[in-house]
Amino acid sequence: MTRLHHRFDGPGDAPVLVLGSSVGTTMDLWDPQLPDLTATWRVLRYDLPGHGGSDVIHGTIGDFADAVVALLDALGVEKAAYGGVSLGGAIGTTLALEHPERITSLILCCTSARFGDPSAWHERAAKVRAGGLEPLADMLVGRWFTPLYADTNGARAMLTKVDPEGYAACCTALAGFDVRDRLGRVLAPTLVIAGAEDVATPLDHAETLAQGIPGAELVVVPAAGHLANLERPEPVTHAMLRHLERTS
């Protein structure tokens, strides 16, 4: 079985909330939310394939979602709420579509139903395979935040824990992801969170999700880029808690 590095935090008898991160980051991305979420939830964070301590997966985002289901099975978790940023959000959407009986509530943060032109992802995968992640580090971190956000050292440190082949495999998976015509089948109550200044998944991507998923709510966070939960943790945490309280 594919090993997804994971960690539980919070009360052992609380309902489970699974959190997935964005490509190029680790489970530490969710550190700002953890104190508030673990007050009432048993939070299960996992590292994306090829990130942190997780095995590389060469496959689709559906394969990534299947690995999360296998992790839940191994941990004895029958149902869970799910929140994800970017690629972690795409995994959440896929879980809601392909394993709807497992997902009680869904939070999609700075993510998309299709992440742009597939050729750009294939090109990035080729660059990483050829030269590693360090030559792209400034560009990648620069796309994660607004220009005024200066505290990028933690994000850059997460990037150093990513296997280049794992990152490239995630790029290939993102290139093949497109669920725009399936959004109407998402049954889980859904919150979509967007960074108002996100250049990686712009606001229209969030609007496509919110308009396509029945009953979805859209929250736009001002002065936030792609990693909105890190750049503007307070409004993101508040929106998450409000949604989880309402739908759990």
Foldseek 3Di string as FASTA:
>chain_A
DWDWDKDKAADPPAAEEEEEEAQLFFQCLCVLLPVVCRVHHTYMYTGFDQFQPTHADQDALLVSLVVVVVVCVVVVQQAHAYEYAASSLLSVLSCLQPVVRRHQAYEYELYFQAQDALVVLLVVLVVCVVPNCVVCLVVVLPLFADPVDDPSPNSSVRSVRGHSNSSSSSSNNRSPGHCLVPQCVRDHAYEYEYECAEPRRHPVRSVSNQVSHPNYHYHYDYRTYRSRCNRPVPVVSVVVVVRVVVRD
